[in-house]
Amino acid sequence: MSSAITVPGTGAGGWRCGPCDEDMVMKPVELTYLNSQFNVELPTCPNCGYVLIPEALALGKMHQVEQLLEDK
């Protein structure tokens, strides 16, 4: 996996996985949208691999990227 994008304000501090009750850790994950792949560092459960996409990221930066890709 290539170098991951770090998004300010998406730290794992204070987040826990509900099912596993484990502290979330920052980990590079691969996101795919419209046949484009992005490596982004996001809070992830070290036990089950659940990935948290914070609301601010989903409604902000990710929404902007979706619009750019859809306009192509």
Protein backbone atom coordinates (compact mmCIF):
# COMPACT_ATOMS: atom_id res chain seq x y z
CA MET A 1 0.00 0.00 0.00
CA SER A 2 1.42 3.42 -0.91
CA SER A 3 1.72 6.29 1.52
CA ALA A 4 -1.62 7.12 3.14
CA ILE A 5 -3.31 10.51 3.20
CA THR A 6 -3.54 11.94 6.70
CA VAL A 7 -6.66 14.06 7.23
CA PRO A 8 -6.47 16.64 10.05
CA GLY A 9 -9.07 16.12 12.78
CA THR A 10 -9.58 12.39 12.23
CA GLY A 11 -7.58 11.11 15.20
CA ALA A 12 -8.51 7.92 17.05
CA GLY A 13 -8.34 9.53 20.50
CA GLY A 14 -11.34 8.65 22.63
CA TRP A 15 -12.99 6.32 20.09
CA ARG A 16 -13.65 2.67 20.99
CA CYS A 17 -15.02 -0.18 18.88
CA GLY A 18 -18.51 -1.03 20.12
CA PRO A 19 -18.47 -4.79 19.50
CA CYS A 20 -14.84 -5.35 20.64
CA ASP A 21 -14.51 -2.61 23.29
CA GLU A 22 -10.99 -1.91 21.96
CA ASP A 23 -9.39 1.52 21.56
CA MET A 24 -9.34 2.60 17.92
CA VAL A 25 -5.87 3.14 16.39
CA MET A 26 -4.86 5.13 13.34
CA LYS A 27 -4.19 2.79 10.41
CA PRO A 28 -3.96 3.20 6.63
CA VAL A 29 -7.05 1.83 4.87
CA GLU A 30 -7.94 1.63 1.20
CA LEU A 31 -11.11 3.41 0.10
CA THR A 32 -12.64 2.82 -3.34
CA TYR A 33 -15.11 5.11 -5.09
CA LEU A 34 -16.03 5.09 -8.80
CA ASN A 35 -13.08 2.83 -9.65
CA SER A 36 -10.62 5.18 -7.93
CA GLN A 37 -8.66 4.01 -4.89
CA PHE A 38 -7.40 6.18 -2.06
CA ASN A 39 -5.18 5.24 0.89
CA VAL A 40 -6.32 7.20 3.94
CA GLU A 41 -5.24 6.93 7.57
CA LEU A 42 -8.40 6.45 9.67
CA PRO A 43 -9.38 5.21 13.15
CA THR A 44 -9.55 1.40 12.96
CA CYS A 45 -10.26 -1.36 15.47
CA PRO A 46 -7.08 -3.43 15.89
CA ASN A 47 -9.19 -6.52 16.66
CA CYS A 48 -11.98 -6.69 14.05
CA GLY A 49 -10.80 -4.07 11.53
CA TYR A 50 -13.90 -1.85 11.79
CA VAL A 51 -13.08 1.56 10.27
CA LEU A 52 -14.54 4.79 11.62
CA ILE A 53 -15.15 7.57 9.10
CA PRO A 54 -15.83 10.66 11.22
CA GLU A 55 -18.90 12.68 10.25
CA ALA A 56 -16.85 15.80 9.46
CA LEU A 57 -14.75 13.82 6.99
CA ALA A 58 -17.73 12.08 5.37
CA LEU A 59 -19.71 15.29 4.93
CA GLY A 60 -16.71 17.48 4.13
CA LYS A 61 -13.66 16.22 2.26
CA MET A 62 -15.11 12.88 1.10
CA HIS A 63 -18.21 14.61 -0.24
CA GLN A 64 -16.00 17.07 -2.17
CA VAL A 65 -13.98 14.19 -3.68
CA GLU A 66 -17.20 12.36 -4.66
CA GLN A 67 -18.48 15.45 -6.46
CA LEU A 68 -15.17 15.92 -8.32
CA LEU A 69 -15.12 12.26 -9.44
CA GLU A 70 -18.77 12.30 -10.50
CA ASP A 71 -18.25 15.45 -12.57
CA LYS A 72 -15.56 13.75 -14.70
